[in-house]
Amino acid sequence: MNAGGLLSVLFETGALDERGITARVRGIADTLADVWARARQEGQPPHRIADGIVEERLRAARAARKEGP
């Protein structure tokens, strides 16, 4: 997980402003706590859980794009 790199790209491309970046940074601890909790519950390493979350989010974004406005 590389939140700093992703946040940098979001800021540099204008996808998020300073307030948005700050909000995302504040959410990192909660996200990590969720990943670690799921890893314990599912008996999987945290990186596998994180990869799964990314895959879920990508599928949802692709589905939303196909549906359109």
PDB file of N, CA and C in Angstrom:
ATOM      1  N   MET A   1       0.854  -1.168   0.000  1.00  0.00           N
ATOM      2  CA  MET A   1       0.000   0.000   0.000  1.00  0.00           C
ATOM      3  C   MET A   1       0.898   1.229   0.000  1.00  0.00           C
ATOM      4  N   ASN A   2       0.591   2.131  -0.874  1.00  0.00           N
ATOM      5  CA  ASN A   2       1.383   3.347  -0.981  1.00  0.00           C
ATOM      6  C   ASN A   2       0.442   4.536  -1.057  1.00  0.00           C
ATOM      7  N   ALA A   3      -0.101   4.906   0.075  1.00  0.00           N
ATOM      8  CA  ALA A   3      -1.061   6.005   0.111  1.00  0.00           C
ATOM      9  C   ALA A   3      -0.414   7.318  -0.301  1.00  0.00           C
ATOM     10  N   GLY A   4       0.818   7.545   0.090  1.00  0.00           N
ATOM     11  CA  GLY A   4       1.486   8.800  -0.240  1.00  0.00           C
ATOM     12  C   GLY A   4       1.621   9.004  -1.733  1.00  0.00           C
ATOM     13  N   GLY A   5       2.004   7.963  -2.442  1.00  0.00           N
ATOM     14  CA  GLY A   5       2.146   8.065  -3.892  1.00  0.00           C
ATOM     15  C   GLY A   5       0.824   8.334  -4.571  1.00  0.00           C
ATOM     16  N   LEU A   6      -0.216   7.620  -4.156  1.00  0.00           N
ATOM     17  CA  LEU A   6      -1.528   7.820  -4.742  1.00  0.00           C
ATOM     18  C   LEU A   6      -2.050   9.224  -4.443  1.00  0.00           C
ATOM     19  N   LEU A   7      -1.885   9.671  -3.214  1.00  0.00           N
ATOM     20  CA  LEU A   7      -2.362  11.006  -2.858  1.00  0.00           C
ATOM     21  C   LEU A   7      -1.616  12.084  -3.637  1.00  0.00           C
ATOM     22  N   SER A   8      -0.335  11.867  -3.868  1.00  0.00           N
ATOM     23  CA  SER A   8       0.438  12.819  -4.652  1.00  0.00           C
ATOM     24  C   SER A   8      -0.118  12.929  -6.070  1.00  0.00           C
ATOM     25  N   VAL A   9      -0.417  11.803  -6.679  1.00  0.00           N
ATOM     26  CA  VAL A   9      -0.975  11.803  -8.032  1.00  0.00           C
ATOM     27  C   VAL A   9      -2.338  12.496  -8.046  1.00  0.00           C
ATOM     28  N   LEU A  10      -3.176  12.202  -7.064  1.00  0.00           N
ATOM     29  CA  LEU A  10      -4.497  12.829  -7.005  1.00  0.00           C
ATOM     30  C   LEU A  10      -4.397  14.341  -6.868  1.00  0.00           C
ATOM     31  N   PHE A  11      -3.431  14.798  -6.092  1.00  0.00           N
ATOM     32  CA  PHE A  11      -3.238  16.238  -5.914  1.00  0.00           C
ATOM     33  C   PHE A  11      -2.672  16.870  -7.188  1.00  0.00           C
ATOM     34  N   GLU A  12      -1.646  16.249  -7.761  1.00  0.00           N
ATOM     35  CA  GLU A  12      -0.987  16.805  -8.939  1.00  0.00           C
ATOM     36  C   GLU A  12      -1.908  16.861 -10.156  1.00  0.00           C
ATOM     37  N   THR A  13      -2.830  15.925 -10.254  1.00  0.00           N
ATOM     38  CA  THR A  13      -3.754  15.916 -11.393  1.00  0.00           C
ATOM     39  C   THR A  13      -4.997  16.766 -11.145  1.00  0.00           C
ATOM     40  N   GLY A  14      -5.113  17.298  -9.941  1.00  0.00           N
ATOM     41  CA  GLY A  14      -6.255  18.140  -9.616  1.00  0.00           C
ATOM     42  C   GLY A  14      -7.494  17.370  -9.201  1.00  0.00           C
ATOM     43  N   ALA A  15      -7.364  16.058  -9.033  1.00  0.00           N
ATOM     44  CA  ALA A  15      -8.506  15.249  -8.615  1.00  0.00           C
ATOM     45  C   ALA A  15      -8.921  15.568  -7.178  1.00  0.00           C
ATOM     46  N   LEU A  16      -7.961  15.970  -6.352  1.00  0.00           N
ATOM     47  CA  LEU A  16      -8.235  16.371  -4.970  1.00  0.00           C
ATOM     48  C   LEU A  16      -7.482  17.651  -4.658  1.00  0.00           C
ATOM     49  N   ASP A  17      -8.100  18.498  -3.858  1.00  0.00           N
ATOM     50  CA  ASP A  17      -7.402  19.684  -3.381  1.00  0.00           C
ATOM     51  C   ASP A  17      -6.790  19.379  -2.011  1.00  0.00           C
ATOM     52  N   GLU A  18      -6.210  20.393  -1.388  1.00  0.00           N
ATOM     53  CA  GLU A  18      -5.537  20.179  -0.099  1.00  0.00           C
ATOM     54  C   GLU A  18      -6.497  19.626   0.951  1.00  0.00           C
ATOM     55  N   ARG A  19      -7.709  20.127   0.965  1.00  0.00           N
ATOM     56  CA  ARG A  19      -8.697  19.644   1.936  1.00  0.00           C
ATOM     57  C   ARG A  19      -9.012  18.165   1.693  1.00  0.00           C
ATOM     58  N   GLY A  20      -9.144  17.785   0.441  1.00  0.00           N
ATOM     59  CA  GLY A  20      -9.411  16.389   0.111  1.00  0.00           C
ATOM     60  C   GLY A  20      -8.263  15.478   0.492  1.00  0.00           C
ATOM     61  N   ILE A  21      -7.043  15.953   0.270  1.00  0.00           N
ATOM     62  CA  ILE A  21      -5.866  15.170   0.646  1.00  0.00           C
ATOM     63  C   ILE A  21      -5.832  14.986   2.153  1.00  0.00           C
ATOM     64  N   THR A  22      -6.082  16.061   2.890  1.00  0.00           N
ATOM     65  CA  THR A  22      -6.068  15.988   4.356  1.00  0.00           C
ATOM     66  C   THR A  22      -7.106  14.987   4.859  1.00  0.00           C
ATOM     67  N   ALA A  23      -8.274  14.998   4.266  1.00  0.00           N
ATOM     68  CA  ALA A  23      -9.325  14.056   4.669  1.00  0.00           C
ATOM     69  C   ALA A  23      -8.890  12.621   4.403  1.00  0.00           C
ATOM     70  N   ARG A  24      -8.275  12.405   3.262  1.00  0.00           N
ATOM     71  CA  ARG A  24      -7.804  11.047   2.944  1.00  0.00           C
ATOM     72  C   ARG A  24      -6.712  10.594   3.910  1.00  0.00           C
ATOM     73  N   VAL A  25      -5.786  11.490   4.237  1.00  0.00           N
ATOM     74  CA  VAL A  25      -4.711  11.137   5.174  1.00  0.00           C
ATOM     75  C   VAL A  25      -5.311  10.752   6.530  1.00  0.00           C
ATOM     76  N   ARG A  26      -6.289  11.509   6.969  1.00  0.00           N
ATOM     77  CA  ARG A  26      -6.921  11.214   8.260  1.00  0.00           C
ATOM     78  C   ARG A  26      -7.631   9.864   8.250  1.00  0.00           C
ATOM     79  N   GLY A  27      -8.027   9.389   7.093  1.00  0.00           N
ATOM     80  CA  GLY A  27      -8.711   8.105   6.999  1.00  0.00           C
ATOM     81  C   GLY A  27      -7.798   6.903   6.892  1.00  0.00           C
ATOM     82  N   ILE A  28      -6.495   7.130   6.731  1.00  0.00           N
ATOM     83  CA  ILE A  28      -5.563   6.016   6.542  1.00  0.00           C
ATOM     84  C   ILE A  28      -5.566   5.062   7.725  1.00  0.00           C
ATOM     85  N   ALA A  29      -5.547   5.573   8.940  1.00  0.00           N
ATOM     86  CA  ALA A  29      -5.506   4.708  10.127  1.00  0.00           C
ATOM     87  C   ALA A  29      -6.732   3.798  10.180  1.00  0.00           C
ATOM     88  N   ASP A  30      -7.908   4.349   9.870  1.00  0.00           N
ATOM     89  CA  ASP A  30      -9.127   3.527   9.882  1.00  0.00           C
ATOM     90  C   ASP A  30      -9.075   2.457   8.795  1.00  0.00           C
ATOM     91  N   THR A  31      -8.577   2.826   7.629  1.00  0.00           N
ATOM     92  CA  THR A  31      -8.460   1.858   6.536  1.00  0.00           C
ATOM     93  C   THR A  31      -7.525   0.720   6.918  1.00  0.00           C
ATOM     94  N   LEU A  32      -6.381   1.064   7.495  1.00  0.00           N
ATOM     95  CA  LEU A  32      -5.437   0.027   7.910  1.00  0.00           C
ATOM     96  C   LEU A  32      -6.028  -0.857   9.003  1.00  0.00           C
ATOM     97  N   ALA A  33      -6.740  -0.262   9.941  1.00  0.00           N
ATOM     98  CA  ALA A  33      -7.376  -1.053  10.998  1.00  0.00           C
ATOM     99  C   ALA A  33      -8.367  -2.042  10.388  1.00  0.00           C
ATOM    100  N   ASP A  34      -9.123  -1.598   9.381  1.00  0.00           N
ATOM    101  CA  ASP A  34     -10.064  -2.492   8.709  1.00  0.00           C
ATOM    102  C   ASP A  34      -9.345  -3.636   7.997  1.00  0.00           C
ATOM    103  N   VAL A  35      -8.253  -3.308   7.324  1.00  0.00           N
ATOM    104  CA  VAL A  35      -7.476  -4.340   6.622  1.00  0.00           C
ATOM    105  C   VAL A  35      -6.949  -5.371   7.613  1.00  0.00           C
ATOM    106  N   TRP A  36      -6.370  -4.908   8.709  1.00  0.00           N
ATOM    107  CA  TRP A  36      -5.818  -5.837   9.697  1.00  0.00           C
ATOM    108  C   TRP A  36      -6.910  -6.671  10.357  1.00  0.00           C
ATOM    109  N   ALA A  37      -8.060  -6.079  10.630  1.00  0.00           N
ATOM    110  CA  ALA A  37      -9.165  -6.829  11.232  1.00  0.00           C
ATOM    111  C   ALA A  37      -9.652  -7.916  10.278  1.00  0.00           C
ATOM    112  N   ARG A  38      -9.828  -7.562   9.008  1.00  0.00           N
ATOM    113  CA  ARG A  38     -10.255  -8.567   8.029  1.00  0.00           C
ATOM    114  C   ARG A  38      -9.210  -9.665   7.873  1.00  0.00           C
ATOM    115  N   ALA A  39      -7.943  -9.283   7.905  1.00  0.00           N
ATOM    116  CA  ALA A  39      -6.872 -10.281   7.775  1.00  0.00           C
ATOM    117  C   ALA A  39      -6.960 -11.295   8.920  1.00  0.00           C
ATOM    118  N   ARG A  40      -7.171 -10.813  10.132  1.00  0.00           N
ATOM    119  CA  ARG A  40      -7.309 -11.722  11.277  1.00  0.00           C
ATOM    120  C   ARG A  40      -8.546 -12.601  11.127  1.00  0.00           C
ATOM    121  N   GLN A  41      -9.664 -11.989  10.765  1.00  0.00           N
ATOM    122  CA  GLN A  41     -10.926 -12.723  10.641  1.00  0.00           C
ATOM    123  C   GLN A  41     -10.875 -13.781   9.548  1.00  0.00           C
ATOM    124  N   GLU A  42     -10.237 -13.438   8.435  1.00  0.00           N
ATOM    125  CA  GLU A  42     -10.216 -14.335   7.276  1.00  0.00           C
ATOM    126  C   GLU A  42      -8.981 -15.227   7.224  1.00  0.00           C
ATOM    127  N   GLY A  43      -8.044 -15.014   8.177  1.00  0.00           N
ATOM    128  CA  GLY A  43      -6.831 -15.830   8.207  1.00  0.00           C
ATOM    129  C   GLY A  43      -5.945 -15.626   6.988  1.00  0.00           C
ATOM    130  N   GLN A  44      -5.932 -14.403   6.464  1.00  0.00           N
ATOM    131  CA  GLN A  44      -5.142 -14.075   5.279  1.00  0.00           C
ATOM    132  C   GLN A  44      -4.120 -13.000   5.632  1.00  0.00           C
ATOM    133  N   PRO A  45      -3.024 -12.924   4.880  1.00  0.00           N
ATOM    134  CA  PRO A  45      -2.073 -11.832   5.110  1.00  0.00           C
ATOM    135  C   PRO A  45      -2.701 -10.492   4.716  1.00  0.00           C
ATOM    136  N   PRO A  46      -2.333  -9.425   5.409  1.00  0.00           N
ATOM    137  CA  PRO A  46      -2.916  -8.113   5.125  1.00  0.00           C
ATOM    138  C   PRO A  46      -2.777  -7.677   3.665  1.00  0.00           C
ATOM    139  N   HIS A  47      -1.663  -8.019   3.021  1.00  0.00           N
ATOM    140  CA  HIS A  47      -1.505  -7.569   1.637  1.00  0.00           C
ATOM    141  C   HIS A  47      -2.530  -8.230   0.718  1.00  0.00           C
ATOM    142  N   ARG A  48      -2.943  -9.435   1.019  1.00  0.00           N
ATOM    143  CA  ARG A  48      -3.964 -10.099   0.200  1.00  0.00           C
ATOM    144  C   ARG A  48      -5.331  -9.429   0.398  1.00  0.00           C
ATOM    145  N   ILE A  49      -5.603  -9.051   1.621  1.00  0.00           N
ATOM    146  CA  ILE A  49      -6.856  -8.351   1.902  1.00  0.00           C
ATOM    147  C   ILE A  49      -6.855  -7.014   1.166  1.00  0.00           C
ATOM    148  N   ALA A  50      -5.750  -6.275   1.250  1.00  0.00           N
ATOM    149  CA  ALA A  50      -5.655  -4.975   0.575  1.00  0.00           C
ATOM    150  C   ALA A  50      -5.826  -5.146  -0.936  1.00  0.00           C
ATOM    151  N   ASP A  51      -5.188  -6.162  -1.506  1.00  0.00           N
ATOM    152  CA  ASP A  51      -5.354  -6.419  -2.942  1.00  0.00           C
ATOM    153  C   ASP A  51      -6.811  -6.710  -3.276  1.00  0.00           C
ATOM    154  N   GLY A  52      -7.475  -7.478  -2.426  1.00  0.00           N
ATOM    155  CA  GLY A  52      -8.881  -7.789  -2.650  1.00  0.00           C
ATOM    156  C   GLY A  52      -9.762  -6.552  -2.613  1.00  0.00           C
ATOM    157  N   ILE A  53      -9.469  -5.648  -1.686  1.00  0.00           N
ATOM    158  CA  ILE A  53     -10.229  -4.402  -1.598  1.00  0.00           C
ATOM    159  C   ILE A  53     -10.055  -3.587  -2.872  1.00  0.00           C
ATOM    160  N   VAL A  54      -8.830  -3.524  -3.367  1.00  0.00           N
ATOM    161  CA  VAL A  54      -8.575  -2.786  -4.612  1.00  0.00           C
ATOM    162  C   VAL A  54      -9.367  -3.411  -5.760  1.00  0.00           C
ATOM    163  N   GLU A  55      -9.336  -4.730  -5.849  1.00  0.00           N
ATOM    164  CA  GLU A  55     -10.073  -5.402  -6.917  1.00  0.00           C
ATOM    165  C   GLU A  55     -11.569  -5.124  -6.819  1.00  0.00           C
ATOM    166  N   GLU A  56     -12.112  -5.141  -5.584  1.00  0.00           N
ATOM    167  CA  GLU A  56     -13.534  -4.833  -5.390  1.00  0.00           C
ATOM    168  C   GLU A  56     -13.847  -3.418  -5.861  1.00  0.00           C
ATOM    169  N   ARG A  57     -13.008  -2.475  -5.488  1.00  0.00           N
ATOM    170  CA  ARG A  57     -13.242  -1.082  -5.868  1.00  0.00           C
ATOM    171  C   ARG A  57     -13.124  -0.878  -7.370  1.00  0.00           C
ATOM    172  N   LEU A  58     -12.169  -1.548  -8.000  1.00  0.00           N
ATOM    173  CA  LEU A  58     -12.025  -1.428  -9.451  1.00  0.00           C
ATOM    174  C   LEU A  58     -13.235  -2.007 -10.176  1.00  0.00           C
ATOM    175  N   ARG A  59     -13.712  -3.158  -9.704  1.00  0.00           N
ATOM    176  CA  ARG A  59     -14.911  -3.759 -10.322  1.00  0.00           C
ATOM    177  C   ARG A  59     -16.104  -2.814 -10.205  1.00  0.00           C
ATOM    178  N   ALA A  60     -16.263  -2.226  -9.021  1.00  0.00           N
ATOM    179  CA  ALA A  60     -17.384  -1.301  -8.811  1.00  0.00           C
ATOM    180  C   ALA A  60     -17.264  -0.080  -9.707  1.00  0.00           C
ATOM    181  N   ALA A  61     -16.046   0.449  -9.848  1.00  0.00           N
ATOM    182  CA  ALA A  61     -15.847   1.630 -10.695  1.00  0.00           C
ATOM    183  C   ALA A  61     -16.110   1.296 -12.152  1.00  0.00           C
ATOM    184  N   ARG A  62     -15.665   0.130 -12.595  1.00  0.00           N
ATOM    185  CA  ARG A  62     -15.910  -0.267 -13.979  1.00  0.00           C
ATOM    186  C   ARG A  62     -17.400  -0.449 -14.242  1.00  0.00           C
ATOM    187  N   ALA A  63     -18.095  -1.060 -13.294  1.00  0.00           N
ATOM    188  CA  ALA A  63     -19.535  -1.256 -13.443  1.00  0.00           C
ATOM    189  C   ALA A  63     -20.261   0.078 -13.493  1.00  0.00           C
ATOM    190  N   ALA A  64     -19.849   1.013 -12.644  1.00  0.00           N
ATOM    191  CA  ALA A  64     -20.480   2.330 -12.629  1.00  0.00           C
ATOM    192  C   ALA A  64     -20.228   3.070 -13.944  1.00  0.00           C
ATOM    193  N   ARG A  65     -19.045   2.901 -14.498  1.00  0.00           N
ATOM    194  CA  ARG A  65     -18.721   3.554 -15.761  1.00  0.00           C
ATOM    195  C   ARG A  65     -19.571   3.001 -16.894  1.00  0.00           C
ATOM    196  N   LYS A  66     -19.798   1.691 -16.873  1.00  0.00           N
ATOM    197  CA  LYS A  66     -20.624   1.060 -17.913  1.00  0.00           C
ATOM    198  C   LYS A  66     -22.068   1.531 -17.836  1.00  0.00           C
ATOM    199  N   GLU A  67     -22.555   1.749 -16.614  1.00  0.00           N
ATOM    200  CA  GLU A  67     -23.938   2.187 -16.434  1.00  0.00           C
ATOM    201  C   GLU A  67     -24.135   3.608 -16.897  1.00  0.00           C
ATOM    202  N   GLY A  68     -23.090   4.428 -16.762  1.00  0.00           N
ATOM    203  CA  GLY A  68     -23.164   5.816 -17.191  1.00  0.00           C
ATOM    204  C   GLY A  68     -24.048   6.661 -16.288  1.00  0.00           C
ATOM    205  N   PRO A  69     -24.162   7.943 -16.643  1.00  0.00           N
ATOM    206  CA  PRO A  69     -24.962   8.848 -15.796  1.00  0.00           C
ATOM    207  C   PRO A  69     -26.449   8.602 -15.882  1.00  0.00           C
TER     208      PRO A  69
END
